Amino acid sequence: MTRRWSAPTRRMHQGIIALMLSAGALVSASAMSGCAGDGLVYDTYRHDSHRWNHDDDRFYRQWEVETHRAHSNFRRRSHSDQQAYWGWRHRS
């Protein structure tokens, strides 16, 4: 025997499902963003700004490994570390 739901109950369940899917999409999008976020990051090596993306995050983590640095958010790094990264990045 199948269960029949009233129209208001069905609409409420559809709304809850839509809300859960939207929340899941927002959470997964923020979880996949890079260390520095998706904003602009100033490059002191070339005196310009870059939009930080997945490739920058990958290179940044590679730089941390190659230079034996502990992982840290790029924006929290010292000015000299940020300059060292941009120098390395432009040579790579």
PDB file of N, CA and C in Angstrom:
ATOM      1  N   MET A   1       0.842  -1.170   0.000  1.00  0.00           N
ATOM      2  CA  MET A   1       0.000   0.000   0.000  1.00  0.00           C
ATOM      3  C   MET A   1       0.899   1.248   0.000  1.00  0.00           C
ATOM      4  N   THR A   2       0.653   2.153  -0.917  1.00  0.00           N
ATOM      5  CA  THR A   2       1.451   3.377  -0.999  1.00  0.00           C
ATOM      6  C   THR A   2       0.848   4.447  -0.098  1.00  0.00           C
ATOM      7  N   ARG A   3       1.740   5.269   0.414  1.00  0.00           N
ATOM      8  CA  ARG A   3       1.302   6.334   1.313  1.00  0.00           C
ATOM      9  C   ARG A   3       1.114   7.613   0.505  1.00  0.00           C
ATOM     10  N   ARG A   4       0.015   8.255   0.655  1.00  0.00           N
ATOM     11  CA  ARG A   4      -0.273   9.512  -0.033  1.00  0.00           C
ATOM     12  C   ARG A   4      -0.070  10.658   0.927  1.00  0.00           C
ATOM     13  N   TRP A   5       0.701  11.624   0.495  1.00  0.00           N
ATOM     14  CA  TRP A   5       0.975  12.787   1.323  1.00  0.00           C
ATOM     15  C   TRP A   5       0.094  13.935   0.861  1.00  0.00           C
ATOM     16  N   SER A   6      -0.311  14.740   1.788  1.00  0.00           N
ATOM     17  CA  SER A   6      -1.122  15.901   1.416  1.00  0.00           C
ATOM     18  C   SER A   6      -0.227  16.914   0.698  1.00  0.00           C
ATOM     19  N   ALA A   7      -0.830  17.788  -0.072  1.00  0.00           N
ATOM     20  CA  ALA A   7      -0.075  18.777  -0.849  1.00  0.00           C
ATOM     21  C   ALA A   7       0.794  19.669   0.040  1.00  0.00           C
ATOM     22  N   PRO A   8       0.305  20.192   1.170  1.00  0.00           N
ATOM     23  CA  PRO A   8       1.170  21.027   2.013  1.00  0.00           C
ATOM     24  C   PRO A   8       2.361  20.255   2.584  1.00  0.00           C
ATOM     25  N   THR A   9       2.150  18.993   2.961  1.00  0.00           N
ATOM     26  CA  THR A   9       3.238  18.178   3.505  1.00  0.00           C
ATOM     27  C   THR A   9       4.286  17.904   2.425  1.00  0.00           C
ATOM     28  N   ARG A  10       3.823  17.598   1.215  1.00  0.00           N
ATOM     29  CA  ARG A  10       4.734  17.332   0.099  1.00  0.00           C
ATOM     30  C   ARG A  10       5.564  18.570  -0.222  1.00  0.00           C
ATOM     31  N   ARG A  11       4.942  19.751  -0.232  1.00  0.00           N
ATOM     32  CA  ARG A  11       5.664  21.003  -0.490  1.00  0.00           C
ATOM     33  C   ARG A  11       6.695  21.274   0.604  1.00  0.00           C
ATOM     34  N   MET A  12       6.333  20.974   1.859  1.00  0.00           N
ATOM     35  CA  MET A  12       7.262  21.193   2.959  1.00  0.00           C
ATOM     36  C   MET A  12       8.484  20.278   2.813  1.00  0.00           C
ATOM     37  N   HIS A  13       8.261  19.019   2.464  1.00  0.00           N
ATOM     38  CA  HIS A  13       9.369  18.083   2.284  1.00  0.00           C
ATOM     39  C   HIS A  13      10.244  18.501   1.101  1.00  0.00           C
ATOM     40  N   GLN A  14       9.643  18.967   0.033  1.00  0.00           N
ATOM     41  CA  GLN A  14      10.418  19.432  -1.118  1.00  0.00           C
ATOM     42  C   GLN A  14      11.250  20.657  -0.740  1.00  0.00           C
ATOM     43  N   GLY A  15      10.696  21.527   0.077  1.00  0.00           N
ATOM     44  CA  GLY A  15      11.433  22.704   0.535  1.00  0.00           C
ATOM     45  C   GLY A  15      12.616  22.330   1.411  1.00  0.00           C
ATOM     46  N   ILE A  16      12.418  21.357   2.283  1.00  0.00           N
ATOM     47  CA  ILE A  16      13.505  20.893   3.155  1.00  0.00           C
ATOM     48  C   ILE A  16      14.616  20.274   2.315  1.00  0.00           C
ATOM     49  N   ILE A  17      14.257  19.464   1.342  1.00  0.00           N
ATOM     50  CA  ILE A  17      15.258  18.837   0.473  1.00  0.00           C
ATOM     51  C   ILE A  17      16.012  19.905  -0.316  1.00  0.00           C
ATOM     52  N   ALA A  18      15.310  20.888  -0.843  1.00  0.00           N
ATOM     53  CA  ALA A  18      15.967  21.961  -1.593  1.00  0.00           C
ATOM     54  C   ALA A  18      16.920  22.744  -0.690  1.00  0.00           C
ATOM     55  N   LEU A  19      16.504  23.006   0.537  1.00  0.00           N
ATOM     56  CA  LEU A  19      17.354  23.717   1.491  1.00  0.00           C
ATOM     57  C   LEU A  19      18.608  22.915   1.806  1.00  0.00           C
ATOM     58  N   MET A  20      18.466  21.613   2.014  1.00  0.00           N
ATOM     59  CA  MET A  20      19.613  20.761   2.316  1.00  0.00           C
ATOM     60  C   MET A  20      20.582  20.694   1.130  1.00  0.00           C
ATOM     61  N   LEU A  21      20.076  20.613  -0.079  1.00  0.00           N
ATOM     62  CA  LEU A  21      20.940  20.589  -1.265  1.00  0.00           C
ATOM     63  C   LEU A  21      21.682  21.909  -1.425  1.00  0.00           C
ATOM     64  N   SER A  22      21.000  23.014  -1.192  1.00  0.00           N
ATOM     65  CA  SER A  22      21.645  24.327  -1.289  1.00  0.00           C
ATOM     66  C   SER A  22      22.737  24.483  -0.243  1.00  0.00           C
ATOM     67  N   ALA A  23      22.455  24.062   0.977  1.00  0.00           N
ATOM     68  CA  ALA A  23      23.457  24.149   2.051  1.00  0.00           C
ATOM     69  C   ALA A  23      24.655  23.269   1.727  1.00  0.00           C
ATOM     70  N   GLY A  24      24.409  22.092   1.207  1.00  0.00           N
ATOM     71  CA  GLY A  24      25.500  21.192   0.823  1.00  0.00           C
ATOM     72  C   GLY A  24      26.374  21.781  -0.270  1.00  0.00           C
ATOM     73  N   ALA A  25      25.749  22.437  -1.246  1.00  0.00           N
ATOM     74  CA  ALA A  25      26.519  23.063  -2.321  1.00  0.00           C
ATOM     75  C   ALA A  25      27.389  24.195  -1.785  1.00  0.00           C
ATOM     76  N   LEU A  26      26.860  24.999  -0.868  1.00  0.00           N
ATOM     77  CA  LEU A  26      27.648  26.092  -0.285  1.00  0.00           C
ATOM     78  C   LEU A  26      28.805  25.577   0.553  1.00  0.00           C
ATOM     79  N   VAL A  27      28.562  24.549   1.336  1.00  0.00           N
ATOM     80  CA  VAL A  27      29.613  23.992   2.183  1.00  0.00           C
ATOM     81  C   VAL A  27      30.715  23.372   1.329  1.00  0.00           C
ATOM     82  N   SER A  28      30.346  22.623   0.302  1.00  0.00           N
ATOM     83  CA  SER A  28      31.367  21.988  -0.532  1.00  0.00           C
ATOM     84  C   SER A  28      32.156  23.023  -1.318  1.00  0.00           C
ATOM     85  N   ALA A  29      31.522  24.095  -1.752  1.00  0.00           N
ATOM     86  CA  ALA A  29      32.240  25.142  -2.478  1.00  0.00           C
ATOM     87  C   ALA A  29      33.252  25.832  -1.582  1.00  0.00           C
ATOM     88  N   SER A  30      32.890  26.086  -0.345  1.00  0.00           N
ATOM     89  CA  SER A  30      33.835  26.736   0.567  1.00  0.00           C
ATOM     90  C   SER A  30      34.940  25.778   0.983  1.00  0.00           C
ATOM     91  N   ALA A  31      34.660  24.497   1.068  1.00  0.00           N
ATOM     92  CA  ALA A  31      35.679  23.518   1.446  1.00  0.00           C
ATOM     93  C   ALA A  31      36.704  23.327   0.340  1.00  0.00           C
ATOM     94  N   MET A  32      36.304  23.536  -0.919  1.00  0.00           N
ATOM     95  CA  MET A  32      37.225  23.337  -2.032  1.00  0.00           C
ATOM     96  C   MET A  32      38.042  24.573  -2.359  1.00  0.00           C
ATOM     97  N   SER A  33      37.777  25.681  -1.720  1.00  0.00           N
ATOM     98  CA  SER A  33      38.534  26.886  -2.026  1.00  0.00           C
ATOM     99  C   SER A  33      39.959  26.757  -1.510  1.00  0.00           C
ATOM    100  N   GLY A  34      40.813  27.569  -2.063  1.00  0.00           N
ATOM    101  CA  GLY A  34      42.210  27.504  -1.730  1.00  0.00           C
ATOM    102  C   GLY A  34      42.531  28.073  -0.382  1.00  0.00           C
ATOM    103  N   CYS A  35      43.806  27.905  -0.012  1.00  0.00           N
ATOM    104  CA  CYS A  35      44.283  28.367   1.285  1.00  0.00           C
ATOM    105  C   CYS A  35      44.086  29.855   1.471  1.00  0.00           C
ATOM    106  N   ALA A  36      44.357  30.610   0.457  1.00  0.00           N
ATOM    107  CA  ALA A  36      44.262  32.055   0.570  1.00  0.00           C
ATOM    108  C   ALA A  36      42.870  32.540   0.199  1.00  0.00           C
ATOM    109  N   GLY A  37      41.988  31.627  -0.124  1.00  0.00           N
ATOM    110  CA  GLY A  37      40.666  32.029  -0.555  1.00  0.00           C
ATOM    111  C   GLY A  37      40.686  32.363  -2.031  1.00  0.00           C
ATOM    112  N   ASP A  38      39.568  32.787  -2.550  1.00  0.00           N
ATOM    113  CA  ASP A  38      39.477  33.085  -3.966  1.00  0.00           C
ATOM    114  C   ASP A  38      39.667  34.562  -4.261  1.00  0.00           C
ATOM    115  N   GLY A  39      40.149  35.318  -3.314  1.00  0.00           N
ATOM    116  CA  GLY A  39      40.301  36.745  -3.514  1.00  0.00           C
ATOM    117  C   GLY A  39      41.601  37.092  -4.217  1.00  0.00           C
ATOM    118  N   LEU A  40      41.827  38.364  -4.330  1.00  0.00           N
ATOM    119  CA  LEU A  40      43.066  38.834  -4.926  1.00  0.00           C
ATOM    120  C   LEU A  40      44.179  38.786  -3.900  1.00  0.00           C
ATOM    121  N   VAL A  41      45.357  38.376  -4.353  1.00  0.00           N
ATOM    122  CA  VAL A  41      46.540  38.314  -3.506  1.00  0.00           C
ATOM    123  C   VAL A  41      47.605  39.170  -4.167  1.00  0.00           C
ATOM    124  N   TYR A  42      48.228  40.059  -3.389  1.00  0.00           N
ATOM    125  CA  TYR A  42      49.220  40.973  -3.933  1.00  0.00           C
ATOM    126  C   TYR A  42      50.568  40.273  -4.078  1.00  0.00           C
ATOM    127  N   ASP A  43      51.173  40.390  -5.248  1.00  0.00           N
ATOM    128  CA  ASP A  43      52.474  39.808  -5.557  1.00  0.00           C
ATOM    129  C   ASP A  43      53.528  40.896  -5.397  1.00  0.00           C
ATOM    130  N   THR A  44      54.284  40.840  -4.298  1.00  0.00           N
ATOM    131  CA  THR A  44      55.302  41.866  -4.051  1.00  0.00           C
ATOM    132  C   THR A  44      56.503  41.704  -4.969  1.00  0.00           C
ATOM    133  N   TYR A  45      56.659  40.536  -5.570  1.00  0.00           N
ATOM    134  CA  TYR A  45      57.777  40.286  -6.471  1.00  0.00           C
ATOM    135  C   TYR A  45      57.620  41.064  -7.774  1.00  0.00           C
ATOM    136  N   ARG A  46      56.399  41.069  -8.310  1.00  0.00           N
ATOM    137  CA  ARG A  46      56.128  41.787  -9.569  1.00  0.00           C
ATOM    138  C   ARG A  46      55.243  43.010  -9.373  1.00  0.00           C
ATOM    139  N   HIS A  47      54.871  43.287  -8.144  1.00  0.00           N
ATOM    140  CA  HIS A  47      54.041  44.449  -7.808  1.00  0.00           C
ATOM    141  C   HIS A  47      52.715  44.465  -8.565  1.00  0.00           C
ATOM    142  N   ASP A  48      52.032  43.321  -8.534  1.00  0.00           N
ATOM    143  CA  ASP A  48      50.699  43.237  -9.122  1.00  0.00           C
ATOM    144  C   ASP A  48      49.861  42.260  -8.310  1.00  0.00           C
ATOM    145  N   SER A  49      48.602  42.134  -8.678  1.00  0.00           N
ATOM    146  CA  SER A  49      47.691  41.256  -7.948  1.00  0.00           C
ATOM    147  C   SER A  49      47.359  40.036  -8.782  1.00  0.00           C
ATOM    148  N   HIS A  50      47.138  38.925  -8.095  1.00  0.00           N
ATOM    149  CA  HIS A  50      46.749  37.668  -8.731  1.00  0.00           C
ATOM    150  C   HIS A  50      45.466  37.178  -8.098  1.00  0.00           C
ATOM    151  N   ARG A  51      44.620  36.565  -8.899  1.00  0.00           N
ATOM    152  CA  ARG A  51      43.452  35.890  -8.351  1.00  0.00           C
ATOM    153  C   ARG A  51      43.902  34.498  -7.942  1.00  0.00           C
ATOM    154  N   TRP A  52      43.840  34.185  -6.646  1.00  0.00           N
ATOM    155  CA  TRP A  52      44.295  32.907  -6.113  1.00  0.00           C
ATOM    156  C   TRP A  52      43.325  31.824  -6.550  1.00  0.00           C
ATOM    157  N   ASN A  53      43.839  30.774  -7.187  1.00  0.00           N
ATOM    158  CA  ASN A  53      42.977  29.688  -7.641  1.00  0.00           C
ATOM    159  C   ASN A  53      43.587  28.344  -7.254  1.00  0.00           C
ATOM    160  N   HIS A  54      43.039  27.265  -7.776  1.00  0.00           N
ATOM    161  CA  HIS A  54      43.477  25.918  -7.432  1.00  0.00           C
ATOM    162  C   HIS A  54      44.944  25.706  -7.795  1.00  0.00           C
ATOM    163  N   ASP A  55      45.383  26.212  -8.953  1.00  0.00           N
ATOM    164  CA  ASP A  55      46.780  26.063  -9.363  1.00  0.00           C
ATOM    165  C   ASP A  55      47.716  26.767  -8.393  1.00  0.00           C
ATOM    166  N   ASP A  56      47.364  27.971  -7.975  1.00  0.00           N
ATOM    167  CA  ASP A  56      48.193  28.694  -7.009  1.00  0.00           C
ATOM    168  C   ASP A  56      48.282  27.929  -5.696  1.00  0.00           C
ATOM    169  N   ASP A  57      47.190  27.346  -5.275  1.00  0.00           N
ATOM    170  CA  ASP A  57      47.191  26.574  -4.033  1.00  0.00           C
ATOM    171  C   ASP A  57      48.125  25.377  -4.161  1.00  0.00           C
ATOM    172  N   ARG A  58      48.080  24.705  -5.310  1.00  0.00           N
ATOM    173  CA  ARG A  58      48.939  23.540  -5.542  1.00  0.00           C
ATOM    174  C   ARG A  58      50.411  23.951  -5.533  1.00  0.00           C
ATOM    175  N   PHE A  59      50.764  25.039  -6.233  1.00  0.00           N
ATOM    176  CA  PHE A  59      52.141  25.523  -6.252  1.00  0.00           C
ATOM    177  C   PHE A  59      52.592  25.967  -4.860  1.00  0.00           C
ATOM    178  N   TYR A  60      51.699  26.626  -4.137  1.00  0.00           N
ATOM    179  CA  TYR A  60      52.032  27.102  -2.792  1.00  0.00           C
ATOM    180  C   TYR A  60      52.382  25.931  -1.874  1.00  0.00           C
ATOM    181  N   ARG A  61      51.574  24.867  -1.946  1.00  0.00           N
ATOM    182  CA  ARG A  61      51.858  23.694  -1.118  1.00  0.00           C
ATOM    183  C   ARG A  61      53.162  23.021  -1.543  1.00  0.00           C
ATOM    184  N   GLN A  62      53.449  23.009  -2.831  1.00  0.00           N
ATOM    185  CA  GLN A  62      54.713  22.455  -3.318  1.00  0.00           C
ATOM    186  C   GLN A  62      55.886  23.281  -2.787  1.00  0.00           C
ATOM    187  N   TRP A  63      55.752  24.604  -2.804  1.00  0.00           N
ATOM    188  CA  TRP A  63      56.787  25.498  -2.273  1.00  0.00           C
ATOM    189  C   TRP A  63      57.033  25.216  -0.793  1.00  0.00           C
ATOM    190  N   GLU A  64      55.947  25.016  -0.040  1.00  0.00           N
ATOM    191  CA  GLU A  64      56.092  24.727   1.387  1.00  0.00           C
ATOM    192  C   GLU A  64      56.905  23.448   1.609  1.00  0.00           C
ATOM    193  N   VAL A  65      56.625  22.424   0.810  1.00  0.00           N
ATOM    194  CA  VAL A  65      57.346  21.159   0.950  1.00  0.00           C
ATOM    195  C   VAL A  65      58.815  21.333   0.558  1.00  0.00           C
ATOM    196  N   GLU A  66      59.056  21.970  -0.595  1.00  0.00           N
ATOM    197  CA  GLU A  66      60.430  22.121  -1.077  1.00  0.00           C
ATOM    198  C   GLU A  66      61.282  23.004  -0.179  1.00  0.00           C
ATOM    199  N   THR A  67      60.675  23.951   0.496  1.00  0.00           N
ATOM    200  CA  THR A  67      61.438  24.855   1.364  1.00  0.00           C
ATOM    201  C   THR A  67      61.331  24.459   2.836  1.00  0.00           C
ATOM    202  N   HIS A  68      60.759  23.284   3.098  1.00  0.00           N
ATOM    203  CA  HIS A  68      60.673  22.710   4.449  1.00  0.00           C
ATOM    204  C   HIS A  68      59.957  23.639   5.429  1.00  0.00           C
ATOM    205  N   ARG A  69      58.863  24.218   4.976  1.00  0.00           N
ATOM    206  CA  ARG A  69      58.053  25.077   5.844  1.00  0.00           C
ATOM    207  C   ARG A  69      56.787  24.333   6.252  1.00  0.00           C
ATOM    208  N   ALA A  70      56.334  24.585   7.454  1.00  0.00           N
ATOM    209  CA  ALA A  70      55.061  24.017   7.905  1.00  0.00           C
ATOM    210  C   ALA A  70      53.931  24.702   7.146  1.00  0.00           C
ATOM    211  N   HIS A  71      52.832  23.982   6.950  1.00  0.00           N
ATOM    212  CA  HIS A  71      51.711  24.575   6.213  1.00  0.00           C
ATOM    213  C   HIS A  71      51.092  25.715   7.015  1.00  0.00           C
ATOM    214  N   SER A  72      50.840  26.797   6.330  1.00  0.00           N
ATOM    215  CA  SER A  72      50.202  27.961   6.929  1.00  0.00           C
ATOM    216  C   SER A  72      49.443  28.704   5.841  1.00  0.00           C
ATOM    217  N   ASN A  73      48.409  29.395   6.230  1.00  0.00           N
ATOM    218  CA  ASN A  73      47.652  30.206   5.285  1.00  0.00           C
ATOM    219  C   ASN A  73      48.579  31.266   4.693  1.00  0.00           C
ATOM    220  N   PHE A  74      48.537  31.435   3.377  1.00  0.00           N
ATOM    221  CA  PHE A  74      49.441  32.373   2.697  1.00  0.00           C
ATOM    222  C   PHE A  74      49.323  33.782   3.268  1.00  0.00           C
ATOM    223  N   ARG A  75      48.114  34.219   3.545  1.00  0.00           N
ATOM    224  CA  ARG A  75      47.904  35.589   4.038  1.00  0.00           C
ATOM    225  C   ARG A  75      48.501  35.799   5.430  1.00  0.00           C
ATOM    226  N   ARG A  76      48.722  34.717   6.163  1.00  0.00           N
ATOM    227  CA  ARG A  76      49.291  34.830   7.508  1.00  0.00           C
ATOM    228  C   ARG A  76      50.819  34.734   7.507  1.00  0.00           C
ATOM    229  N   ARG A  77      51.393  34.436   6.363  1.00  0.00           N
ATOM    230  CA  ARG A  77      52.851  34.352   6.253  1.00  0.00           C
ATOM    231  C   ARG A  77      53.457  35.742   6.403  1.00  0.00           C
ATOM    232  N   SER A  78      54.713  35.763   6.821  1.00  0.00           N
ATOM    233  CA  SER A  78      55.417  37.042   6.928  1.00  0.00           C
ATOM    234  C   SER A  78      55.627  37.621   5.528  1.00  0.00           C
ATOM    235  N   HIS A  79      55.883  38.905   5.479  1.00  0.00           N
ATOM    236  CA  HIS A  79      56.113  39.580   4.196  1.00  0.00           C
ATOM    237  C   HIS A  79      57.296  38.942   3.463  1.00  0.00           C
ATOM    238  N   SER A  80      58.350  38.608   4.188  1.00  0.00           N
ATOM    239  CA  SER A  80      59.528  38.008   3.543  1.00  0.00           C
ATOM    240  C   SER A  80      59.214  36.612   2.995  1.00  0.00           C
ATOM    241  N   ASP A  81      58.393  35.823   3.705  1.00  0.00           N
ATOM    242  CA  ASP A  81      57.985  34.509   3.188  1.00  0.00           C
ATOM    243  C   ASP A  81      57.124  34.660   1.939  1.00  0.00           C
ATOM    244  N   GLN A  82      56.217  35.633   1.951  1.00  0.00           N
ATOM    245  CA  GLN A  82      55.385  35.853   0.763  1.00  0.00           C
ATOM    246  C   GLN A  82      56.258  36.250  -0.423  1.00  0.00           C
ATOM    247  N   GLN A  83      57.240  37.115  -0.202  1.00  0.00           N
ATOM    248  CA  GLN A  83      58.154  37.505  -1.283  1.00  0.00           C
ATOM    249  C   GLN A  83      58.950  36.298  -1.772  1.00  0.00           C
ATOM    250  N   ALA A  84      59.398  35.458  -0.844  1.00  0.00           N
ATOM    251  CA  ALA A  84      60.144  34.263  -1.223  1.00  0.00           C
ATOM    252  C   ALA A  84      59.278  33.341  -2.080  1.00  0.00           C
ATOM    253  N   TYR A  85      58.004  33.205  -1.713  1.00  0.00           N
ATOM    254  CA  TYR A  85      57.106  32.361  -2.503  1.00  0.00           C
ATOM    255  C   TYR A  85      56.945  32.920  -3.913  1.00  0.00           C
ATOM    256  N   TRP A  86      56.667  34.233  -4.026  1.00  0.00           N
ATOM    257  CA  TRP A  86      56.451  34.802  -5.355  1.00  0.00           C
ATOM    258  C   TRP A  86      57.717  34.706  -6.213  1.00  0.00           C
ATOM    259  N   GLY A  87      58.881  34.881  -5.610  1.00  0.00           N
ATOM    260  CA  GLY A  87      60.127  34.702  -6.358  1.00  0.00           C
ATOM    261  C   GLY A  87      60.260  33.277  -6.870  1.00  0.00           C
ATOM    262  N   TRP A  88      59.993  32.296  -6.006  1.00  0.00           N
ATOM    263  CA  TRP A  88      60.041  30.900  -6.385  1.00  0.00           C
ATOM    264  C   TRP A  88      59.012  30.595  -7.470  1.00  0.00           C
ATOM    265  N   ARG A  89      57.817  31.142  -7.282  1.00  0.00           N
ATOM    266  CA  ARG A  89      56.709  30.878  -8.229  1.00  0.00           C
ATOM    267  C   ARG A  89      57.041  31.378  -9.623  1.00  0.00           C
ATOM    268  N   HIS A  90      57.648  32.541  -9.726  1.00  0.00           N
ATOM    269  CA  HIS A  90      57.947  33.096 -11.045  1.00  0.00           C
ATOM    270  C   HIS A  90      59.161  32.435 -11.679  1.00  0.00           C
ATOM    271  N   ARG A  91      59.997  31.808 -10.873  1.00  0.00           N
ATOM    272  CA  ARG A  91      61.116  31.042 -11.437  1.00  0.00           C
ATOM    273  C   ARG A  91      60.686  29.651 -11.869  1.00  0.00           C
ATOM    274  N   SER A  92      59.583  29.146 -11.308  1.00  0.00           N
ATOM    275  CA  SER A  92      59.122  27.787 -11.613  1.00  0.00           C
ATOM    276  C   SER A  92      58.384  27.712 -12.918  1.00  0.00           C
TER     277      SER A  92
END
